[in-house]
Amino acid sequence: MSEPVPVTRVSAGPLADLPQDRCVSVAAGRAIVLRVGDDVVAFDNQCLHQASPLAGGLVRDGVLTCPLHFWRYDVPAGTVVGSDEQLPGYAVEIVHGDVFVDVPDEPPDQSMRERLLAHAEDWRTSHRPVAVVWDMGGILYHYFTEMLIEVGQERGWAIDDLPLGPTHPVPDPQYDAMDRGEITEPEYLEHVIGLLASVGVEFDPPRELDWRGRFRRASWDAIETIHGAGYRQGLLTNDASKWLGDRWWESWEPAKRFDAIIDVKTLGVRKPDPRPYVAAAEAVGVSPTSCLFVDDMHVNCEGAEAVGMQSHWFDITSPEASVGALLERLGIGKS
């Protein structure tokens, strides 16, 4: 029988002072406490994703969200949403309205930084994905606002002062709202069409943009490299049918590079709903926790992480750097 781990009882302050909508750290940042009604639960202050601190994470509808990469945990259990992985929990006692937590003592001669680094290395070793699931628009192809800007310059459109996506010098609040999930991609498209109309340009991007040769070369080179490294690969897209036509995947020449293609039009629900991610993982033959999802929308990355996938945000303003970071994350980057 193993010896019990020594603990130190620390104060978390009065119960009445603990917020109900976020977690707070105690014991010099080694633990977090969460108020659940008139009860309190405590956990290790390390996200199971990459050992980043959970302190400050928001609690909504019984779910704690990591403030860094948005992994989500059911409370009070502390389990990853959609998984049986569980945060280490600590004993809590409320005495005359004051909260006390029994926190395991740190191993001797091991600093917090060393403990976090060791945990992160263990996580990287045991959680490396076996499949990569790609978004399409903006990543495999140039984003449509990038192409609009080029077409506008060629045709002399008065669009220099219009907010047209992240690659245009004019800030675009509506694109940012879409990135946060406050509006949908179809709503953003209609907004852009309206902007063009406001300067006298009648143009229908899905029908009139020419996608031939608009591949993002760095991404396609990465797909070949990842395939050569033995990873399975899938494609999960919200809007390709609008741009490429119904059942586009049946005649799309690059389809052979992927083990599976999921167009949400066949599902009836869009990212960030959890169902498309689960369907993509099933289609490539692995669990969501074995997938790394690549998307240029933060809201879609959050949706992937909510079902247990890892996510990689693709910055379309810096595609080569995004690809390089992806390959490095998979352990196949340039040495």
Protein backbone atom coordinates (compact mmCIF):
# COMPACT_ATOMS: atom_id res chain seq x y z
CA MET A 1 0.00 0.00 0.00
CA SER A 2 1.40 3.40 -0.99
CA GLU A 3 1.98 5.99 1.68
CA PRO A 4 -0.53 8.88 1.82
CA VAL A 5 0.58 12.07 0.12
CA PRO A 6 1.23 14.81 2.68
CA VAL A 7 -1.09 17.79 2.35
CA THR A 8 -1.24 21.31 3.67
CA ARG A 9 -4.55 22.90 4.62
CA VAL A 10 -4.85 26.37 3.07
CA SER A 11 -7.53 29.00 3.42
CA ALA A 12 -9.60 30.09 0.41
CA GLY A 13 -11.36 32.79 2.40
CA PRO A 14 -15.04 33.23 3.22
CA LEU A 15 -17.52 31.28 1.12
CA ALA A 16 -19.51 34.46 0.54
CA ASP A 17 -16.51 36.10 -1.15
CA LEU A 18 -16.00 33.36 -3.75
CA PRO A 19 -17.43 34.26 -7.19
CA GLN A 20 -19.99 31.92 -8.78
CA ASP A 21 -18.94 32.61 -12.38
CA ARG A 22 -15.19 31.88 -12.36
CA CYS A 23 -12.52 29.93 -10.53
CA VAL A 24 -9.83 31.47 -8.36
CA SER A 25 -6.40 30.24 -7.35
CA VAL A 26 -5.20 29.34 -3.87
CA ALA A 27 -2.00 27.92 -2.37
CA ALA A 28 0.27 30.21 -4.40
CA GLY A 29 -1.41 29.15 -7.63
CA ARG A 30 -1.17 25.38 -7.11
CA ALA A 31 -4.93 24.86 -6.84
CA ILE A 32 -8.21 26.43 -7.94
CA VAL A 33 -11.54 26.62 -6.14
CA LEU A 34 -14.97 26.89 -7.72
CA ARG A 35 -18.17 27.77 -5.95
CA VAL A 36 -21.10 25.51 -6.85
CA GLY A 37 -24.10 26.99 -5.05
CA ASP A 38 -23.38 26.67 -1.36
CA ASP A 39 -20.64 24.10 -1.93
CA VAL A 40 -17.04 24.46 -3.13
CA VAL A 41 -14.85 22.10 -5.16
CA ALA A 42 -11.09 22.34 -5.65
CA PHE A 43 -8.80 21.03 -8.38
CA ASP A 44 -5.19 21.15 -9.50
CA ASN A 45 -4.51 24.45 -11.28
CA GLN A 46 -3.33 22.83 -14.52
CA CYS A 47 -5.42 22.30 -17.62
CA LEU A 48 -5.15 18.73 -18.94
CA HIS A 49 -4.54 20.16 -22.39
CA GLN A 50 -1.10 21.77 -22.08
CA ALA A 51 -0.73 22.32 -18.33
CA SER A 52 -1.68 26.00 -18.59
CA PRO A 53 -3.25 27.60 -15.48
CA LEU A 54 -7.02 27.29 -15.12
CA ALA A 55 -7.20 30.18 -12.65
CA GLY A 56 -9.54 32.88 -13.92
CA GLY A 57 -11.46 30.47 -16.15
CA LEU A 58 -15.16 31.24 -16.50
CA VAL A 59 -17.92 28.97 -15.22
CA ARG A 60 -21.17 28.93 -17.18
CA ASP A 61 -24.03 26.44 -16.92
CA GLY A 62 -21.95 23.95 -14.98
CA VAL A 63 -18.94 24.12 -17.31
CA LEU A 64 -15.49 25.54 -16.51
CA THR A 65 -13.62 26.87 -19.58
CA CYS A 66 -9.83 27.12 -19.62
CA PRO A 67 -8.87 30.76 -20.32
CA LEU A 68 -6.00 29.85 -22.69
CA HIS A 69 -7.13 27.18 -25.18
CA PHE A 70 -10.77 26.85 -24.13
CA TRP A 71 -10.81 23.23 -22.96
CA ARG A 72 -14.04 22.67 -21.03
CA TYR A 73 -14.71 20.74 -17.83
CA ASP A 74 -17.97 19.61 -16.29
CA VAL A 75 -18.30 20.74 -12.68
CA PRO A 76 -18.44 19.66 -9.98
CA ALA A 77 -16.90 16.42 -11.37
CA GLY A 78 -13.96 18.11 -13.13
CA THR A 79 -14.16 15.81 -16.18
CA VAL A 80 -13.30 16.99 -19.69
CA VAL A 81 -16.51 17.57 -21.65
CA GLY A 82 -17.02 14.56 -23.91
CA SER A 83 -14.30 12.52 -22.20
CA ASP A 84 -13.60 10.62 -18.99
CA GLU A 85 -10.34 12.50 -18.33
CA GLN A 86 -10.56 14.19 -14.94
CA LEU A 87 -8.76 16.96 -13.11
CA PRO A 88 -7.09 15.91 -9.85
CA GLY A 89 -9.45 17.00 -7.07
CA TYR A 90 -8.64 18.18 -3.54
CA ALA A 91 -10.62 17.87 -0.33
CA VAL A 92 -12.59 20.94 0.73
CA GLU A 93 -14.11 21.78 4.11
CA ILE A 94 -16.27 24.76 5.01
CA VAL A 95 -15.93 25.76 8.65
CA HIS A 96 -18.18 28.54 10.00
CA GLY A 97 -18.47 30.02 6.54
CA ASP A 98 -14.74 29.87 5.74
CA VAL A 99 -13.36 27.60 3.00
CA PHE A 100 -10.30 25.40 3.52
CA VAL A 101 -8.57 23.19 0.91
CA ASP A 102 -6.17 20.29 1.50
CA VAL A 103 -3.49 20.79 -1.17
CA PRO A 104 -0.78 18.13 -1.71
CA ASP A 105 2.66 19.32 -0.76
CA GLU A 106 5.04 20.00 -3.64
CA PRO A 107 7.82 17.44 -4.15
CA PRO A 108 11.06 18.69 -2.59
CA ASP A 109 13.43 20.66 -4.81
CA GLN A 110 10.86 20.97 -7.61
CA SER A 111 9.69 24.44 -8.52
CA MET A 112 6.27 25.23 -9.96
CA ARG A 113 7.90 25.95 -13.33
CA GLU A 114 9.65 22.57 -13.33
CA ARG A 115 6.41 20.82 -12.42
CA LEU A 116 4.50 22.54 -15.22
CA LEU A 117 7.20 21.78 -17.78
CA ALA A 118 7.30 18.12 -16.77
CA HIS A 119 3.53 17.86 -16.99
CA ALA A 120 3.49 19.55 -20.40
CA GLU A 121 6.12 17.14 -21.73
CA ASP A 122 4.16 14.15 -20.44
CA TRP A 123 1.05 15.53 -22.10
CA ARG A 124 2.77 16.07 -25.46
CA THR A 125 4.12 12.53 -25.41
CA SER A 126 0.85 10.84 -24.50
CA HIS A 127 -1.59 13.07 -26.42
CA ARG A 128 0.05 13.48 -29.81
CA PRO A 129 -2.76 13.22 -32.39
CA VAL A 130 -2.91 10.52 -35.05
CA ALA A 131 -5.17 12.47 -37.43
CA VAL A 132 -5.39 16.04 -38.73
CA VAL A 133 -8.78 17.46 -39.71
CA TRP A 134 -8.61 20.55 -41.92
CA ASP A 135 -11.01 23.39 -42.53
CA MET A 136 -11.08 24.49 -46.18
CA GLY A 137 -11.81 28.15 -46.94
CA GLY A 138 -8.94 30.47 -46.00
CA ILE A 139 -6.60 27.55 -45.35
CA LEU A 140 -6.53 25.34 -48.43
CA TYR A 141 -7.71 28.23 -50.61
CA HIS A 142 -7.21 31.95 -50.28
CA TYR A 143 -10.00 33.58 -48.28
CA PHE A 144 -12.67 35.14 -50.46
CA THR A 145 -11.99 38.71 -49.25
CA GLU A 146 -8.35 38.31 -50.32
CA MET A 147 -9.56 37.51 -53.81
CA LEU A 148 -12.12 40.33 -53.78
CA ILE A 149 -9.35 42.82 -53.04
CA GLU A 150 -7.33 41.55 -56.01
CA VAL A 151 -10.36 41.63 -58.33
CA GLY A 152 -11.24 45.11 -57.11
CA GLN A 153 -7.75 46.40 -57.79
CA GLU A 154 -7.83 44.91 -61.30
CA ARG A 155 -11.24 46.45 -62.06
CA GLY A 156 -10.70 49.79 -60.37
CA TRP A 157 -13.35 49.38 -57.67
CA ALA A 158 -13.48 52.08 -54.99
CA ILE A 159 -12.89 49.64 -52.12
CA ASP A 160 -9.72 50.94 -50.49
CA ASP A 161 -11.68 52.33 -47.53
CA LEU A 162 -13.93 49.29 -47.06
CA PRO A 163 -13.34 46.78 -44.23
CA LEU A 164 -12.67 43.59 -46.17
CA GLY A 165 -11.27 40.87 -43.95
CA PRO A 166 -8.05 40.52 -41.99
CA THR A 167 -5.66 40.96 -44.94
CA HIS A 168 -7.00 44.43 -45.79
CA PRO A 169 -5.47 47.41 -43.93
CA VAL A 170 -8.91 48.70 -42.85
CA PRO A 171 -10.07 47.10 -39.55
CA ASP A 172 -13.07 44.82 -40.05
CA PRO A 173 -15.31 44.58 -36.94
CA GLN A 174 -17.74 42.23 -38.68
CA TYR A 175 -14.98 39.76 -39.50
CA ASP A 176 -13.90 39.90 -35.87
CA ALA A 177 -17.52 39.26 -34.80
CA MET A 178 -17.62 36.21 -37.09
CA ASP A 179 -14.33 34.99 -35.61
CA ARG A 180 -15.93 35.17 -32.16
CA GLY A 181 -19.09 33.39 -33.30
CA GLU A 182 -21.37 36.41 -32.95
CA ILE A 183 -22.42 36.22 -36.60
CA THR A 184 -22.25 33.31 -39.06
CA GLU A 185 -20.11 33.02 -42.17
CA PRO A 186 -23.17 33.38 -44.48
CA GLU A 187 -24.14 36.53 -42.58
CA TYR A 188 -20.64 37.91 -43.06
CA LEU A 189 -20.79 37.14 -46.79
CA GLU A 190 -24.08 39.06 -47.10
CA HIS A 191 -22.48 41.94 -45.20
CA VAL A 192 -19.57 42.07 -47.66
CA ILE A 193 -21.93 41.95 -50.65
CA GLY A 194 -23.74 44.92 -49.10
CA LEU A 195 -20.48 46.81 -48.66
CA LEU A 196 -19.67 46.35 -52.34
CA ALA A 197 -23.14 47.53 -53.31
CA SER A 198 -22.64 50.66 -51.20
CA VAL A 199 -19.86 51.76 -53.59
CA GLY A 200 -21.77 50.79 -56.70
CA VAL A 201 -20.32 47.30 -57.20
CA GLU A 202 -22.78 44.50 -57.91
CA PHE A 203 -20.82 41.29 -57.42
CA ASP A 204 -21.76 37.81 -56.20
CA PRO A 205 -18.54 36.24 -54.79
CA PRO A 206 -19.71 32.58 -54.69
CA ARG A 207 -20.84 32.74 -58.30
CA GLU A 208 -18.29 35.08 -59.86
CA LEU A 209 -14.95 34.45 -58.14
CA ASP A 210 -12.62 32.16 -60.08
CA TRP A 211 -11.02 29.66 -57.68
CA ARG A 212 -8.70 28.09 -60.23
CA GLY A 213 -5.12 28.34 -59.07
CA ARG A 214 -6.10 29.93 -55.75
CA PHE A 215 -4.63 27.13 -53.63
CA ARG A 216 -2.63 28.13 -50.58
CA ARG A 217 0.56 26.35 -51.55
CA ALA A 218 2.08 26.18 -48.06
CA SER A 219 -0.96 24.29 -46.79
CA TRP A 220 -0.92 21.76 -49.62
CA ASP A 221 2.79 21.14 -49.14
CA ALA A 222 2.03 20.51 -45.46
CA ILE A 223 -0.71 18.04 -46.36
CA GLU A 224 1.81 16.02 -48.36
CA THR A 225 4.37 16.19 -45.54
CA ILE A 226 1.81 15.12 -42.93
CA HIS A 227 0.66 12.25 -45.12
CA GLY A 228 4.25 11.11 -45.51
CA ALA A 229 4.62 11.12 -41.73
CA GLY A 230 1.79 8.59 -41.42
CA TYR A 231 -1.04 10.78 -40.13
CA ARG A 232 -4.61 10.29 -41.30
CA GLN A 233 -6.24 13.45 -42.68
CA GLY A 234 -9.79 14.65 -43.09
CA LEU A 235 -11.57 17.74 -44.33
CA LEU A 236 -14.43 19.44 -42.48
CA THR A 237 -16.01 22.44 -44.19
CA ASN A 238 -19.02 24.63 -43.50
CA ASP A 239 -19.47 26.43 -46.79
CA ALA A 240 -17.78 24.67 -49.71
CA SER A 241 -21.11 23.73 -51.32
CA LYS A 242 -21.98 27.44 -51.61
CA TRP A 243 -18.75 28.10 -53.49
CA LEU A 244 -18.07 24.86 -55.38
CA GLY A 245 -21.58 23.50 -55.95
CA ASP A 246 -23.57 20.54 -54.64
CA ARG A 247 -21.65 17.30 -54.15
CA TRP A 248 -18.48 19.10 -55.18
CA TRP A 249 -16.32 16.46 -53.47
CA GLU A 250 -17.27 13.83 -56.07
CA SER A 251 -15.35 15.64 -58.82
CA TRP A 252 -12.86 17.60 -56.72
CA GLU A 253 -9.43 16.38 -57.82
CA PRO A 254 -7.66 16.95 -54.45
CA ALA A 255 -10.18 14.69 -52.69
CA LYS A 256 -7.80 11.76 -53.07
CA ARG A 257 -5.40 13.41 -50.63
CA PHE A 258 -7.86 12.94 -47.74
CA ASP A 259 -9.13 9.89 -45.90
CA ALA A 260 -12.55 11.51 -45.46
CA ILE A 261 -14.41 14.67 -46.44
CA ILE A 262 -17.32 16.05 -44.42
CA ASP A 263 -19.40 18.93 -45.82
CA VAL A 264 -21.81 20.09 -43.12
CA LYS A 265 -24.54 20.45 -45.75
CA THR A 266 -24.91 16.67 -45.51
CA LEU A 267 -25.37 16.94 -41.72
CA GLY A 268 -27.71 19.91 -41.41
CA VAL A 269 -25.65 21.55 -38.64
CA ARG A 270 -22.63 23.82 -38.87
CA LYS A 271 -19.45 24.24 -36.89
CA PRO A 272 -19.11 25.03 -33.99
CA ASP A 273 -21.95 22.61 -33.22
CA PRO A 274 -20.25 19.49 -31.81
CA ARG A 275 -21.80 17.06 -34.30
CA PRO A 276 -19.66 17.94 -37.36
CA TYR A 277 -16.45 17.40 -35.38
CA VAL A 278 -17.62 14.04 -34.06
CA ALA A 279 -18.68 13.03 -37.59
CA ALA A 280 -15.26 14.03 -38.98
CA ALA A 281 -13.42 12.00 -36.35
CA GLU A 282 -15.60 8.96 -37.04
CA ALA A 283 -15.05 9.37 -40.79
CA VAL A 284 -11.26 9.24 -40.44
CA GLY A 285 -11.56 6.30 -38.04
CA VAL A 286 -10.28 7.79 -34.77
CA SER A 287 -11.70 9.31 -31.59
CA PRO A 288 -12.02 13.11 -31.29
CA THR A 289 -9.27 13.11 -28.66
CA SER A 290 -6.89 11.69 -31.29
CA CYS A 291 -7.54 14.54 -33.75
CA LEU A 292 -5.92 17.91 -34.31
CA PHE A 293 -8.33 20.34 -35.96
CA VAL A 294 -7.07 23.24 -38.11
CA ASP A 295 -9.31 26.27 -38.71
CA ASP A 296 -8.95 30.00 -39.32
CA MET A 297 -11.92 30.88 -37.03
CA HIS A 298 -11.31 30.91 -33.28
CA VAL A 299 -14.96 30.02 -32.64
CA ASN A 300 -14.56 26.83 -34.70
CA CYS A 301 -11.38 25.91 -32.85
CA GLU A 302 -13.29 26.31 -29.59
CA GLY A 303 -15.99 23.99 -30.94
CA ALA A 304 -13.38 21.35 -31.72
CA GLU A 305 -11.84 21.56 -28.27
CA ALA A 306 -15.30 21.24 -26.70
CA VAL A 307 -15.52 17.65 -28.04
CA GLY A 308 -11.98 16.79 -26.92
CA MET A 309 -10.04 17.57 -30.10
CA GLN A 310 -6.88 19.61 -30.04
CA SER A 311 -7.03 22.69 -32.23
CA HIS A 312 -4.62 24.80 -34.25
CA TRP A 313 -5.68 28.30 -35.23
CA PHE A 314 -4.52 29.18 -38.76
CA ASP A 315 -3.67 32.86 -39.19
CA ILE A 316 -4.49 33.70 -42.82
CA THR A 317 -2.44 36.88 -42.56
CA SER A 318 0.63 34.70 -41.96
CA PRO A 319 0.01 31.33 -43.66
CA GLU A 320 3.62 30.16 -43.88
CA ALA A 321 4.18 30.75 -40.16
CA SER A 322 0.90 29.00 -39.35
CA VAL A 323 1.92 25.96 -41.38
CA GLY A 324 5.37 25.92 -39.79
CA ALA A 325 3.87 25.99 -36.30
CA LEU A 326 1.51 23.16 -37.24
CA LEU A 327 4.29 20.91 -38.51
CA GLU A 328 6.40 21.66 -35.44
CA ARG A 329 3.46 20.79 -33.22
CA LEU A 330 3.14 17.44 -34.98
CA GLY A 331 6.83 16.76 -34.50
CA ILE A 332 7.65 16.94 -38.20
CA GLY A 333 8.80 20.53 -38.52
CA LYS A 334 12.11 21.54 -39.98
CA SER A 335 15.03 20.80 -37.66
